[in-house]
Amino acid sequence: SMKKVEAEYTVNSSPGVLFNRLSTASGLAEWFADDVRIDKDGLYHFSWDGEEEVAKLLSKKNGEFVKFHWMHLDEGTYLEFRLKTDPLTKDLALMVTFFADEDEEEEARLLWDNQIDELLHILGS
C-alpha cells in the first residue's frame, strides 16, 4: 500500500522565486523534469527521457502551496509543495509531501533529495 511521506528542505531564496519554480511549466522544467507542458485541459505533462507522466493540478495558493495528483496513482494520493517561513528567523523551508510504496520509501526520499538538490543549485541556494 502507499504511504504518505513528508520531507523538509531549507531554501535560501525569496518565496516568489521559489514558488515560480514549483508551479509553472517553465519553472518545473528547470529542475524537476526534462520537459513540462500544460495541455488545453490544464493537465501537466512531465517527461523524463521520453517517458511521460501526467498530473492534474488539484489546488494552489500563490506563494504558499501547489498540489498535484499523478493520474497513474491511486485516488487520494498527491504531490504537494508547500512554502513555510519561520516566524522568528524568517528562514524559508520547502515541505514536499508525496506518496510512495511502503518498501520504496527510502528510495523515494533519496530521489527527492536529488531533485531538490538540483532545485537549490538552480536557485543558487
PDB file of N, CA and C in Angstrom:
ATOM      1  N   SER A   1       0.845  -1.202   0.000  1.00  0.00           N
ATOM      2  CA  SER A   1       0.000   0.000   0.000  1.00  0.00           C
ATOM      3  C   SER A   1       0.883   1.257   0.000  1.00  0.00           C
ATOM      4  N   MET A   2       0.296   2.376  -0.364  1.00  0.00           N
ATOM      5  CA  MET A   2       1.064   3.604  -0.445  1.00  0.00           C
ATOM      6  C   MET A   2       1.032   4.368   0.860  1.00  0.00           C
ATOM      7  N   LYS A   3       2.164   4.969   1.151  1.00  0.00           N
ATOM      8  CA  LYS A   3       2.342   5.677   2.404  1.00  0.00           C
ATOM      9  C   LYS A   3       2.642   7.149   2.124  1.00  0.00           C
ATOM     10  N   LYS A   4       2.079   8.028   2.935  1.00  0.00           N
ATOM     11  CA  LYS A   4       2.336   9.459   2.798  1.00  0.00           C
ATOM     12  C   LYS A   4       3.689   9.780   3.421  1.00  0.00           C
ATOM     13  N   VAL A   5       4.527  10.486   2.687  1.00  0.00           N
ATOM     14  CA  VAL A   5       5.868  10.816   3.161  1.00  0.00           C
ATOM     15  C   VAL A   5       6.075  12.323   3.078  1.00  0.00           C
ATOM     16  N   GLU A   6       6.709  12.881   4.114  1.00  0.00           N
ATOM     17  CA  GLU A   6       6.981  14.317   4.112  1.00  0.00           C
ATOM     18  C   GLU A   6       8.477  14.560   4.236  1.00  0.00           C
ATOM     19  N   ALA A   7       8.977  15.526   3.483  1.00  0.00           N
ATOM     20  CA  ALA A   7      10.385  15.886   3.567  1.00  0.00           C
ATOM     21  C   ALA A   7      10.458  17.406   3.625  1.00  0.00           C
ATOM     22  N   GLU A   8      11.419  17.909   4.385  1.00  0.00           N
ATOM     23  CA  GLU A   8      11.549  19.356   4.533  1.00  0.00           C
ATOM     24  C   GLU A   8      12.955  19.792   4.142  1.00  0.00           C
ATOM     25  N   TYR A   9      13.020  20.859   3.364  1.00  0.00           N
ATOM     26  CA  TYR A   9      14.310  21.370   2.891  1.00  0.00           C
ATOM     27  C   TYR A   9      14.400  22.871   3.150  1.00  0.00           C
ATOM     28  N   THR A  10      15.567  23.333   3.585  1.00  0.00           N
ATOM     29  CA  THR A  10      15.784  24.760   3.784  1.00  0.00           C
ATOM     30  C   THR A  10      16.205  25.366   2.454  1.00  0.00           C
ATOM     31  N   VAL A  11      15.585  26.478   2.107  1.00  0.00           N
ATOM     32  CA  VAL A  11      15.860  27.110   0.822  1.00  0.00           C
ATOM     33  C   VAL A  11      16.262  28.563   1.033  1.00  0.00           C
ATOM     34  N   ASN A  12      17.392  28.930   0.431  1.00  0.00           N
ATOM     35  CA  ASN A  12      17.868  30.297   0.540  1.00  0.00           C
ATOM     36  C   ASN A  12      17.419  31.058  -0.702  1.00  0.00           C
ATOM     37  N   SER A  13      16.169  31.506  -0.687  1.00  0.00           N
ATOM     38  CA  SER A  13      15.589  32.151  -1.861  1.00  0.00           C
ATOM     39  C   SER A  13      14.406  32.980  -1.408  1.00  0.00           C
ATOM     40  N   SER A  14      13.913  33.832  -2.298  1.00  0.00           N
ATOM     41  CA  SER A  14      12.693  34.561  -1.942  1.00  0.00           C
ATOM     42  C   SER A  14      11.515  33.637  -2.247  1.00  0.00           C
ATOM     43  N   PRO A  15      10.431  33.748  -1.477  1.00  0.00           N
ATOM     44  CA  PRO A  15       9.266  32.889  -1.703  1.00  0.00           C
ATOM     45  C   PRO A  15       8.729  32.988  -3.127  1.00  0.00           C
ATOM     46  N   GLY A  16       8.731  34.188  -3.701  1.00  0.00           N
ATOM     47  CA  GLY A  16       8.208  34.372  -5.056  1.00  0.00           C
ATOM     48  C   GLY A  16       8.987  33.600  -6.103  1.00  0.00           C
ATOM     49  N   VAL A  17      10.305  33.692  -6.015  1.00  0.00           N
ATOM     50  CA  VAL A  17      11.180  32.994  -6.962  1.00  0.00           C
ATOM     51  C   VAL A  17      11.021  31.484  -6.812  1.00  0.00           C
ATOM     52  N   LEU A  18      10.988  31.012  -5.558  1.00  0.00           N
ATOM     53  CA  LEU A  18      10.827  29.575  -5.302  1.00  0.00           C
ATOM     54  C   LEU A  18       9.477  29.094  -5.821  1.00  0.00           C
ATOM     55  N   PHE A  19       8.414  29.840  -5.508  1.00  0.00           N
ATOM     56  CA  PHE A  19       7.077  29.397  -5.902  1.00  0.00           C
ATOM     57  C   PHE A  19       6.952  29.263  -7.413  1.00  0.00           C
ATOM     58  N   ASN A  20       7.598  30.175  -8.129  1.00  0.00           N
ATOM     59  CA  ASN A  20       7.581  30.120  -9.590  1.00  0.00           C
ATOM     60  C   ASN A  20       8.173  28.805 -10.106  1.00  0.00           C
ATOM     61  N   ARG A  21       9.223  28.326  -9.451  1.00  0.00           N
ATOM     62  CA  ARG A  21       9.890  27.079  -9.849  1.00  0.00           C
ATOM     63  C   ARG A  21       9.049  25.847  -9.533  1.00  0.00           C
ATOM     64  N   LEU A  22       8.051  26.007  -8.685  1.00  0.00           N
ATOM     65  CA  LEU A  22       7.229  24.876  -8.246  1.00  0.00           C
ATOM     66  C   LEU A  22       5.885  24.809  -8.953  1.00  0.00           C
ATOM     67  N   SER A  23       5.486  25.910  -9.582  1.00  0.00           N
ATOM     68  CA  SER A  23       4.105  25.993 -10.048  1.00  0.00           C
ATOM     69  C   SER A  23       3.930  26.256 -11.536  1.00  0.00           C
ATOM     70  N   THR A  24       4.997  26.672 -12.231  1.00  0.00           N
ATOM     71  CA  THR A  24       4.862  26.942 -13.663  1.00  0.00           C
ATOM     72  C   THR A  24       5.553  25.852 -14.472  1.00  0.00           C
ATOM     73  N   ALA A  25       5.093  25.657 -15.697  1.00  0.00           N
ATOM     74  CA  ALA A  25       5.686  24.633 -16.558  1.00  0.00           C
ATOM     75  C   ALA A  25       7.172  24.929 -16.797  1.00  0.00           C
ATOM     76  N   SER A  26       7.481  26.193 -17.096  1.00  0.00           N
ATOM     77  CA  SER A  26       8.877  26.537 -17.370  1.00  0.00           C
ATOM     78  C   SER A  26       9.736  26.397 -16.111  1.00  0.00           C
ATOM     79  N   GLY A  27       9.180  26.779 -14.970  1.00  0.00           N
ATOM     80  CA  GLY A  27       9.910  26.664 -13.706  1.00  0.00           C
ATOM     81  C   GLY A  27      10.186  25.221 -13.332  1.00  0.00           C
ATOM     82  N   LEU A  28       9.182  24.359 -13.487  1.00  0.00           N
ATOM     83  CA  LEU A  28       9.327  22.934 -13.170  1.00  0.00           C
ATOM     84  C   LEU A  28      10.305  22.240 -14.120  1.00  0.00           C
ATOM     85  N   ALA A  29      10.321  22.699 -15.379  1.00  0.00           N
ATOM     86  CA  ALA A  29      11.205  22.090 -16.375  1.00  0.00           C
ATOM     87  C   ALA A  29      12.677  22.403 -16.088  1.00  0.00           C
ATOM     88  N   GLU A  30      12.929  23.421 -15.257  1.00  0.00           N
ATOM     89  CA  GLU A  30      14.308  23.777 -14.943  1.00  0.00           C
ATOM     90  C   GLU A  30      14.985  22.782 -14.005  1.00  0.00           C
ATOM     91  N   TRP A  31      14.187  22.076 -13.197  1.00  0.00           N
ATOM     92  CA  TRP A  31      14.825  21.197 -12.206  1.00  0.00           C
ATOM     93  C   TRP A  31      14.135  19.848 -12.019  1.00  0.00           C
ATOM     94  N   PHE A  32      12.837  19.777 -12.328  1.00  0.00           N
ATOM     95  CA  PHE A  32      12.080  18.586 -11.972  1.00  0.00           C
ATOM     96  C   PHE A  32      11.974  17.559 -13.089  1.00  0.00           C
ATOM     97  N   ALA A  33      11.812  18.026 -14.311  1.00  0.00           N
ATOM     98  CA  ALA A  33      11.660  17.113 -15.451  1.00  0.00           C
ATOM     99  C   ALA A  33      12.401  17.686 -16.644  1.00  0.00           C
ATOM    100  N   ASP A  34      12.592  16.858 -17.656  1.00  0.00           N
ATOM    101  CA  ASP A  34      13.258  17.336 -18.872  1.00  0.00           C
ATOM    102  C   ASP A  34      12.371  18.335 -19.586  1.00  0.00           C
ATOM    103  N   ASP A  35      11.069  18.056 -19.561  1.00  0.00           N
ATOM    104  CA  ASP A  35      10.128  18.925 -20.247  1.00  0.00           C
ATOM    105  C   ASP A  35       8.793  18.889 -19.521  1.00  0.00           C
ATOM    106  N   VAL A  36       8.128  20.029 -19.467  1.00  0.00           N
ATOM    107  CA  VAL A  36       6.811  20.105 -18.838  1.00  0.00           C
ATOM    108  C   VAL A  36       5.918  20.952 -19.732  1.00  0.00           C
ATOM    109  N   ARG A  37       4.745  20.417 -20.041  1.00  0.00           N
ATOM    110  CA  ARG A  37       3.790  21.235 -20.800  1.00  0.00           C
ATOM    111  C   ARG A  37       2.404  21.066 -20.206  1.00  0.00           C
ATOM    112  N   ILE A  38       1.615  22.118 -20.354  1.00  0.00           N
ATOM    113  CA  ILE A  38       0.247  22.098 -19.844  1.00  0.00           C
ATOM    114  C   ILE A  38      -0.673  22.039 -21.057  1.00  0.00           C
ATOM    115  N   ASP A  39      -1.557  21.047 -21.093  1.00  0.00           N
ATOM    116  CA  ASP A  39      -2.440  20.914 -22.259  1.00  0.00           C
ATOM    117  C   ASP A  39      -3.707  21.770 -22.106  1.00  0.00           C
ATOM    118  N   LYS A  40      -4.576  21.691 -23.103  1.00  0.00           N
ATOM    119  CA  LYS A  40      -5.765  22.551 -23.108  1.00  0.00           C
ATOM    120  C   LYS A  40      -6.729  22.249 -21.959  1.00  0.00           C
ATOM    121  N   ASP A  41      -6.622  21.038 -21.390  1.00  0.00           N
ATOM    122  CA  ASP A  41      -7.474  20.689 -20.244  1.00  0.00           C
ATOM    123  C   ASP A  41      -6.814  21.050 -18.915  1.00  0.00           C
ATOM    124  N   GLY A  42      -5.640  21.673 -19.004  1.00  0.00           N
ATOM    125  CA  GLY A  42      -4.951  22.083 -17.780  1.00  0.00           C
ATOM    126  C   GLY A  42      -4.151  20.973 -17.122  1.00  0.00           C
ATOM    127  N   LEU A  43      -3.977  19.842 -17.819  1.00  0.00           N
ATOM    128  CA  LEU A  43      -3.178  18.755 -17.259  1.00  0.00           C
ATOM    129  C   LEU A  43      -1.698  19.025 -17.533  1.00  0.00           C
ATOM    130  N   TYR A  44      -0.873  18.690 -16.561  1.00  0.00           N
ATOM    131  CA  TYR A  44       0.572  18.881 -16.682  1.00  0.00           C
ATOM    132  C   TYR A  44       1.193  17.594 -17.200  1.00  0.00           C
ATOM    133  N   HIS A  45       1.932  17.691 -18.301  1.00  0.00           N
ATOM    134  CA  HIS A  45       2.627  16.534 -18.872  1.00  0.00           C
ATOM    135  C   HIS A  45       4.115  16.676 -18.570  1.00  0.00           C
ATOM    136  N   PHE A  46       4.640  15.763 -17.741  1.00  0.00           N
ATOM    137  CA  PHE A  46       6.050  15.783 -17.360  1.00  0.00           C
ATOM    138  C   PHE A  46       6.766  14.701 -18.151  1.00  0.00           C
ATOM    139  N   SER A  47       7.914  15.023 -18.737  1.00  0.00           N
ATOM    140  CA  SER A  47       8.643  13.951 -19.399  1.00  0.00           C
ATOM    141  C   SER A  47      10.088  13.864 -18.936  1.00  0.00           C
ATOM    142  N   TRP A  48      10.525  12.620 -18.835  1.00  0.00           N
ATOM    143  CA  TRP A  48      11.889  12.257 -18.451  1.00  0.00           C
ATOM    144  C   TRP A  48      12.361  11.215 -19.455  1.00  0.00           C
ATOM    145  N   ASP A  49      13.447  11.521 -20.162  1.00  0.00           N
ATOM    146  CA  ASP A  49      13.998  10.572 -21.145  1.00  0.00           C
ATOM    147  C   ASP A  49      12.915   9.998 -22.057  1.00  0.00           C
ATOM    148  N   GLY A  50      12.003  10.846 -22.478  1.00  0.00           N
ATOM    149  CA  GLY A  50      10.957  10.387 -23.400  1.00  0.00           C
ATOM    150  C   GLY A  50       9.777   9.685 -22.754  1.00  0.00           C
ATOM    151  N   GLU A  51       9.883   9.380 -21.454  1.00  0.00           N
ATOM    152  CA  GLU A  51       8.752   8.763 -20.734  1.00  0.00           C
ATOM    153  C   GLU A  51       7.897   9.897 -20.172  1.00  0.00           C
ATOM    154  N   GLU A  52       6.586   9.752 -20.276  1.00  0.00           N
ATOM    155  CA  GLU A  52       5.712  10.828 -19.821  1.00  0.00           C
ATOM    156  C   GLU A  52       4.810  10.402 -18.660  1.00  0.00           C
ATOM    157  N   GLU A  53       4.643  11.304 -17.703  1.00  0.00           N
ATOM    158  CA  GLU A  53       3.666  11.110 -16.629  1.00  0.00           C
ATOM    159  C   GLU A  53       2.778  12.342 -16.632  1.00  0.00           C
ATOM    160  N   VAL A  54       1.491  12.124 -16.362  1.00  0.00           N
ATOM    161  CA  VAL A  54       0.544  13.228 -16.389  1.00  0.00           C
ATOM    162  C   VAL A  54       0.025  13.510 -14.983  1.00  0.00           C
ATOM    163  N   ALA A  55      -0.051  14.789 -14.653  1.00  0.00           N
ATOM    164  CA  ALA A  55      -0.554  15.188 -13.341  1.00  0.00           C
ATOM    165  C   ALA A  55      -1.626  16.248 -13.501  1.00  0.00           C
ATOM    166  N   LYS A  56      -2.566  16.206 -12.567  1.00  0.00           N
ATOM    167  CA  LYS A  56      -3.642  17.190 -12.545  1.00  0.00           C
ATOM    168  C   LYS A  56      -3.356  18.151 -11.389  1.00  0.00           C
ATOM    169  N   LEU A  57      -3.512  19.443 -11.643  1.00  0.00           N
ATOM    170  CA  LEU A  57      -3.342  20.425 -10.576  1.00  0.00           C
ATOM    171  C   LEU A  57      -4.595  20.381  -9.710  1.00  0.00           C
ATOM    172  N   LEU A  58      -4.444  20.013  -8.441  1.00  0.00           N
ATOM    173  CA  LEU A  58      -5.608  19.921  -7.550  1.00  0.00           C
ATOM    174  C   LEU A  58      -5.939  21.279  -6.952  1.00  0.00           C
ATOM    175  N   SER A  59      -4.917  21.965  -6.476  1.00  0.00           N
ATOM    176  CA  SER A  59      -5.141  23.283  -5.885  1.00  0.00           C
ATOM    177  C   SER A  59      -3.818  24.014  -5.745  1.00  0.00           C
ATOM    178  N   LYS A  60      -3.922  25.328  -5.698  1.00  0.00           N
ATOM    179  CA  LYS A  60      -2.714  26.100  -5.409  1.00  0.00           C
ATOM    180  C   LYS A  60      -3.097  27.435  -4.828  1.00  0.00           C
ATOM    181  N   LYS A  61      -2.214  27.948  -3.983  1.00  0.00           N
ATOM    182  CA  LYS A  61      -2.406  29.276  -3.415  1.00  0.00           C
ATOM    183  C   LYS A  61      -1.089  29.991  -3.622  1.00  0.00           C
ATOM    184  N   ASN A  62      -1.152  31.086  -4.367  1.00  0.00           N
ATOM    185  CA  ASN A  62       0.058  31.793  -4.734  1.00  0.00           C
ATOM    186  C   ASN A  62       1.010  32.051  -3.568  1.00  0.00           C
ATOM    187  N   GLY A  63       2.263  31.664  -3.755  1.00  0.00           N
ATOM    188  CA  GLY A  63       3.277  31.883  -2.736  1.00  0.00           C
ATOM    189  C   GLY A  63       3.184  30.960  -1.536  1.00  0.00           C
ATOM    190  N   GLU A  64       2.183  30.057  -1.531  1.00  0.00           N
ATOM    191  CA  GLU A  64       2.026  29.181  -0.366  1.00  0.00           C
ATOM    192  C   GLU A  64       2.158  27.699  -0.663  1.00  0.00           C
ATOM    193  N   PHE A  65       1.348  27.195  -1.596  1.00  0.00           N
ATOM    194  CA  PHE A  65       1.439  25.766  -1.893  1.00  0.00           C
ATOM    195  C   PHE A  65       0.903  25.461  -3.273  1.00  0.00           C
ATOM    196  N   VAL A  66       1.318  24.311  -3.786  1.00  0.00           N
ATOM    197  CA  VAL A  66       0.773  23.797  -5.038  1.00  0.00           C
ATOM    198  C   VAL A  66       0.646  22.285  -4.868  1.00  0.00           C
ATOM    199  N   LYS A  67      -0.486  21.750  -5.308  1.00  0.00           N
ATOM    200  CA  LYS A  67      -0.802  20.347  -5.054  1.00  0.00           C
ATOM    201  C   LYS A  67      -1.257  19.657  -6.341  1.00  0.00           C
ATOM    202  N   PHE A  68      -0.573  18.560  -6.682  1.00  0.00           N
ATOM    203  CA  PHE A  68      -0.864  17.804  -7.891  1.00  0.00           C
ATOM    204  C   PHE A  68      -1.320  16.383  -7.566  1.00  0.00           C
ATOM    205  N   HIS A  69      -2.030  15.788  -8.508  1.00  0.00           N
ATOM    206  CA  HIS A  69      -2.337  14.349  -8.408  1.00  0.00           C
ATOM    207  C   HIS A  69      -1.772  13.672  -9.647  1.00  0.00           C
ATOM    208  N   TRP A  70      -0.915  12.663  -9.446  1.00  0.00           N
ATOM    209  CA  TRP A  70      -0.410  11.879 -10.576  1.00  0.00           C
ATOM    210  C   TRP A  70      -1.537  10.974 -11.041  1.00  0.00           C
ATOM    211  N   MET A  71      -1.894  11.068 -12.326  1.00  0.00           N
ATOM    212  CA  MET A  71      -3.033  10.316 -12.850  1.00  0.00           C
ATOM    213  C   MET A  71      -2.870   8.798 -12.759  1.00  0.00           C
ATOM    214  N   HIS A  72      -1.614   8.317 -12.750  1.00  0.00           N
ATOM    215  CA  HIS A  72      -1.397   6.864 -12.708  1.00  0.00           C
ATOM    216  C   HIS A  72      -1.410   6.304 -11.284  1.00  0.00           C
ATOM    217  N   LEU A  73      -1.494   7.172 -10.284  1.00  0.00           N
ATOM    218  CA  LEU A  73      -1.519   6.688  -8.899  1.00  0.00           C
ATOM    219  C   LEU A  73      -2.943   6.695  -8.340  1.00  0.00           C
ATOM    220  N   ASP A  74      -3.101   6.019  -7.199  1.00  0.00           N
ATOM    221  CA  ASP A  74      -4.425   5.894  -6.571  1.00  0.00           C
ATOM    222  C   ASP A  74      -5.056   7.245  -6.266  1.00  0.00           C
ATOM    223  N   GLU A  75      -6.372   7.266  -6.297  1.00  0.00           N
ATOM    224  CA  GLU A  75      -7.149   8.422  -5.847  1.00  0.00           C
ATOM    225  C   GLU A  75      -6.716   8.731  -4.417  1.00  0.00           C
ATOM    226  N   GLY A  76      -6.714   9.992  -4.064  1.00  0.00           N
ATOM    227  CA  GLY A  76      -6.383  10.352  -2.686  1.00  0.00           C
ATOM    228  C   GLY A  76      -4.895  10.565  -2.458  1.00  0.00           C
ATOM    229  N   THR A  77      -4.076  10.184  -3.431  1.00  0.00           N
ATOM    230  CA  THR A  77      -2.640  10.446  -3.309  1.00  0.00           C
ATOM    231  C   THR A  77      -2.342  11.772  -4.004  1.00  0.00           C
ATOM    232  N   TYR A  78      -1.264  12.409  -3.598  1.00  0.00           N
ATOM    233  CA  TYR A  78      -0.921  13.697  -4.203  1.00  0.00           C
ATOM    234  C   TYR A  78       0.557  14.017  -3.999  1.00  0.00           C
ATOM    235  N   LEU A  79       0.972  15.052  -4.697  1.00  0.00           N
ATOM    236  CA  LEU A  79       2.304  15.609  -4.529  1.00  0.00           C
ATOM    237  C   LEU A  79       2.071  17.060  -4.168  1.00  0.00           C
ATOM    238  N   GLU A  80       2.577  17.472  -3.017  1.00  0.00           N
ATOM    239  CA  GLU A  80       2.380  18.860  -2.609  1.00  0.00           C
ATOM    240  C   GLU A  80       3.715  19.524  -2.305  1.00  0.00           C
ATOM    241  N   PHE A  81       3.871  20.737  -2.819  1.00  0.00           N
ATOM    242  CA  PHE A  81       4.999  21.593  -2.466  1.00  0.00           C
ATOM    243  C   PHE A  81       4.420  22.714  -1.619  1.00  0.00           C
ATOM    244  N   ARG A  82       4.926  22.875  -0.401  1.00  0.00           N
ATOM    245  CA  ARG A  82       4.417  23.923   0.476  1.00  0.00           C
ATOM    246  C   ARG A  82       5.563  24.773   1.008  1.00  0.00           C
ATOM    247  N   LEU A  83       5.384  26.089   0.956  1.00  0.00           N
ATOM    248  CA  LEU A  83       6.393  27.003   1.489  1.00  0.00           C
ATOM    249  C   LEU A  83       6.073  27.318   2.932  1.00  0.00           C
ATOM    250  N   LYS A  84       7.103  27.341   3.746  1.00  0.00           N
ATOM    251  CA  LYS A  84       6.919  27.597   5.172  1.00  0.00           C
ATOM    252  C   LYS A  84       7.988  28.593   5.613  1.00  0.00           C
ATOM    253  N   THR A  85       7.570  29.695   6.210  1.00  0.00           N
ATOM    254  CA  THR A  85       8.538  30.675   6.697  1.00  0.00           C
ATOM    255  C   THR A  85       8.555  30.648   8.211  1.00  0.00           C
ATOM    256  N   ASP A  86       9.738  30.531   8.776  1.00  0.00           N
ATOM    257  CA  ASP A  86       9.875  30.537  10.230  1.00  0.00           C
ATOM    258  C   ASP A  86       9.568  31.948  10.716  1.00  0.00           C
ATOM    259  N   PRO A  87       8.576  32.095  11.647  1.00  0.00           N
ATOM    260  CA  PRO A  87       8.168  33.434  12.082  1.00  0.00           C
ATOM    261  C   PRO A  87       9.297  34.234  12.742  1.00  0.00           C
ATOM    262  N   LEU A  88      10.230  33.540  13.408  1.00  0.00           N
ATOM    263  CA  LEU A  88      11.310  34.243  14.086  1.00  0.00           C
ATOM    264  C   LEU A  88      12.504  34.536  13.188  1.00  0.00           C
ATOM    265  N   THR A  89      13.050  33.489  12.589  1.00  0.00           N
ATOM    266  CA  THR A  89      14.271  33.648  11.790  1.00  0.00           C
ATOM    267  C   THR A  89      14.000  34.104  10.357  1.00  0.00           C
ATOM    268  N   LYS A  90      12.732  33.981   9.931  1.00  0.00           N
ATOM    269  CA  LYS A  90      12.331  34.280   8.559  1.00  0.00           C
ATOM    270  C   LYS A  90      12.954  33.300   7.554  1.00  0.00           C
ATOM    271  N   ASP A  91      13.537  32.206   8.042  1.00  0.00           N
ATOM    272  CA  ASP A  91      14.095  31.200   7.143  1.00  0.00           C
ATOM    273  C   ASP A  91      12.962  30.558   6.356  1.00  0.00           C
ATOM    274  N   LEU A  92      13.250  30.289   5.088  1.00  0.00           N
ATOM    275  CA  LEU A  92      12.256  29.689   4.207  1.00  0.00           C
ATOM    276  C   LEU A  92      12.518  28.191   4.087  1.00  0.00           C
ATOM    277  N   ALA A  93      11.449  27.415   4.233  1.00  0.00           N
ATOM    278  CA  ALA A  93      11.573  25.967   4.077  1.00  0.00           C
ATOM    279  C   ALA A  93      10.578  25.508   3.022  1.00  0.00           C
ATOM    280  N   LEU A  94      10.946  24.435   2.339  1.00  0.00           N
ATOM    281  CA  LEU A  94      10.061  23.818   1.360  1.00  0.00           C
ATOM    282  C   LEU A  94       9.677  22.453   1.903  1.00  0.00           C
ATOM    283  N   MET A  95       8.377  22.241   2.072  1.00  0.00           N
ATOM    284  CA  MET A  95       7.857  20.951   2.508  1.00  0.00           C
ATOM    285  C   MET A  95       7.357  20.213   1.272  1.00  0.00           C
ATOM    286  N   VAL A  96       7.872  19.001   1.076  1.00  0.00           N
ATOM    287  CA  VAL A  96       7.411  18.189  -0.043  1.00  0.00           C
ATOM    288  C   VAL A  96       6.650  17.001   0.544  1.00  0.00           C
ATOM    289  N   THR A  97       5.403  16.825   0.141  1.00  0.00           N
ATOM    290  CA  THR A  97       4.607  15.682   0.586  1.00  0.00           C
ATOM    291  C   THR A  97       4.309  14.832  -0.642  1.00  0.00           C
ATOM    292  N   PHE A  98       4.617  13.556  -0.542  1.00  0.00           N
ATOM    293  CA  PHE A  98       4.388  12.656  -1.678  1.00  0.00           C
ATOM    294  C   PHE A  98       3.995  11.285  -1.144  1.00  0.00           C
ATOM    295  N   PHE A  99       3.595  10.405  -2.039  1.00  0.00           N
ATOM    296  CA  PHE A  99       3.201   9.052  -1.640  1.00  0.00           C
ATOM    297  C   PHE A  99       4.146   8.053  -2.275  1.00  0.00           C
ATOM    298  N   ALA A 100       4.528   7.038  -1.504  1.00  0.00           N
ATOM    299  CA  ALA A 100       5.440   6.007  -2.003  1.00  0.00           C
ATOM    300  C   ALA A 100       4.989   4.659  -1.474  1.00  0.00           C
ATOM    301  N   ASP A 101       5.321   3.602  -2.199  1.00  0.00           N
ATOM    302  CA  ASP A 101       5.040   2.263  -1.706  1.00  0.00           C
ATOM    303  C   ASP A 101       5.861   2.055  -0.448  1.00  0.00           C
ATOM    304  N   GLU A 102       5.275   1.381   0.543  1.00  0.00           N
ATOM    305  CA  GLU A 102       5.936   1.116   1.827  1.00  0.00           C
ATOM    306  C   GLU A 102       7.401   0.733   1.666  1.00  0.00           C
ATOM    307  N   ASP A 103       7.654  -0.240   0.772  1.00  0.00           N
ATOM    308  CA  ASP A 103       9.015  -0.775   0.629  1.00  0.00           C
ATOM    309  C   ASP A 103       9.926   0.101  -0.248  1.00  0.00           C
ATOM    310  N   GLU A 104       9.378   1.207  -0.756  1.00  0.00           N
ATOM    311  CA  GLU A 104      10.190   2.074  -1.612  1.00  0.00           C
ATOM    312  C   GLU A 104      10.380   3.459  -1.025  1.00  0.00           C
ATOM    313  N   GLU A 105      10.031   3.619   0.267  1.00  0.00           N
ATOM    314  CA  GLU A 105      10.100   4.950   0.874  1.00  0.00           C
ATOM    315  C   GLU A 105      11.510   5.532   0.851  1.00  0.00           C
ATOM    316  N   GLU A 106      12.497   4.730   1.272  1.00  0.00           N
ATOM    317  CA  GLU A 106      13.875   5.239   1.322  1.00  0.00           C
ATOM    318  C   GLU A 106      14.366   5.669  -0.055  1.00  0.00           C
ATOM    319  N   GLU A 107      14.086   4.830  -1.036  1.00  0.00           N
ATOM    320  CA  GLU A 107      14.470   5.109  -2.420  1.00  0.00           C
ATOM    321  C   GLU A 107      13.814   6.405  -2.907  1.00  0.00           C
ATOM    322  N   ALA A 108      12.532   6.558  -2.579  1.00  0.00           N
ATOM    323  CA  ALA A 108      11.788   7.746  -2.988  1.00  0.00           C
ATOM    324  C   ALA A 108      12.352   8.997  -2.322  1.00  0.00           C
ATOM    325  N   ARG A 109      12.717   8.878  -1.044  1.00  0.00           N
ATOM    326  CA  ARG A 109      13.306  10.022  -0.332  1.00  0.00           C
ATOM    327  C   ARG A 109      14.620  10.459  -0.983  1.00  0.00           C
ATOM    328  N   LEU A 110      15.443   9.474  -1.333  1.00  0.00           N
ATOM    329  CA  LEU A 110      16.724   9.783  -1.975  1.00  0.00           C
ATOM    330  C   LEU A 110      16.514  10.476  -3.321  1.00  0.00           C
ATOM    331  N   LEU A 111      15.507  10.003  -4.044  1.00  0.00           N
ATOM    332  CA  LEU A 111      15.172  10.597  -5.327  1.00  0.00           C
ATOM    333  C   LEU A 111      14.788  12.067  -5.139  1.00  0.00           C
ATOM    334  N   TRP A 112      13.956  12.329  -4.123  1.00  0.00           N
ATOM    335  CA  TRP A 112      13.553  13.710  -3.844  1.00  0.00           C
ATOM    336  C   TRP A 112      14.733  14.552  -3.391  1.00  0.00           C
ATOM    337  N   ASP A 113      15.607  13.979  -2.568  1.00  0.00           N
ATOM    338  CA  ASP A 113      16.805  14.724  -2.145  1.00  0.00           C
ATOM    339  C   ASP A 113      17.597  15.185  -3.367  1.00  0.00           C
ATOM    340  N   ASN A 114      17.727  14.297  -4.339  1.00  0.00           N
ATOM    341  CA  ASN A 114      18.457  14.630  -5.562  1.00  0.00           C
ATOM    342  C   ASN A 114      17.747  15.717  -6.368  1.00  0.00           C
ATOM    343  N   GLN A 115      16.429  15.585  -6.485  1.00  0.00           N
ATOM    344  CA  GLN A 115      15.652  16.577  -7.238  1.00  0.00           C
ATOM    345  C   GLN A 115      15.773  17.952  -6.584  1.00  0.00           C
ATOM    346  N   ILE A 116      15.634  17.974  -5.259  1.00  0.00           N
ATOM    347  CA  ILE A 116      15.685  19.253  -4.548  1.00  0.00           C
ATOM    348  C   ILE A 116      17.097  19.842  -4.587  1.00  0.00           C
ATOM    349  N   ASP A 117      18.118  18.990  -4.566  1.00  0.00           N
ATOM    350  CA  ASP A 117      19.492  19.484  -4.730  1.00  0.00           C
ATOM    351  C   ASP A 117      19.619  20.255  -6.034  1.00  0.00           C
ATOM    352  N   GLU A 118      19.013  19.705  -7.073  1.00  0.00           N
ATOM    353  CA  GLU A 118      19.030  20.342  -8.387  1.00  0.00           C
ATOM    354  C   GLU A 118      18.324  21.702  -8.328  1.00  0.00           C
ATOM    355  N   LEU A 119      17.181  21.743  -7.652  1.00  0.00           N
ATOM    356  CA  LEU A 119      16.444  22.977  -7.484  1.00  0.00           C
ATOM    357  C   LEU A 119      17.273  24.019  -6.729  1.00  0.00           C
ATOM    358  N   LEU A 120      17.896  23.600  -5.634  1.00  0.00           N
ATOM    359  CA  LEU A 120      18.702  24.535  -4.825  1.00  0.00           C
ATOM    360  C   LEU A 120      19.880  25.057  -5.638  1.00  0.00           C
ATOM    361  N   HIS A 121      20.452  24.186  -6.442  1.00  0.00           N
ATOM    362  CA  HIS A 121      21.570  24.565  -7.303  1.00  0.00           C
ATOM    363  C   HIS A 121      21.147  25.670  -8.267  1.00  0.00           C
ATOM    364  N   ILE A 122      19.979  25.501  -8.877  1.00  0.00           N
ATOM    365  CA  ILE A 122      19.440  26.491  -9.817  1.00  0.00           C
ATOM    366  C   ILE A 122      19.141  27.814  -9.117  1.00  0.00           C
ATOM    367  N   LEU A 123      18.642  27.720  -7.881  1.00  0.00           N
ATOM    368  CA  LEU A 123      18.317  28.930  -7.120  1.00  0.00           C
ATOM    369  C   LEU A 123      19.564  29.582  -6.525  1.00  0.00           C
ATOM    370  N   GLY A 124      20.714  28.904  -6.657  1.00  0.00           N
ATOM    371  CA  GLY A 124      21.955  29.404  -6.063  1.00  0.00           C
ATOM    372  C   GLY A 124      21.883  29.366  -4.556  1.00  0.00           C
ATOM    373  N   SER A 125      21.114  28.376  -4.042  1.00  0.00           N
ATOM    374  CA  SER A 125      20.865  28.262  -2.611  1.00  0.00           C
ATOM    375  C   SER A 125      21.833  27.278  -1.958  1.00  0.00           C
TER     376      SER A 125
END
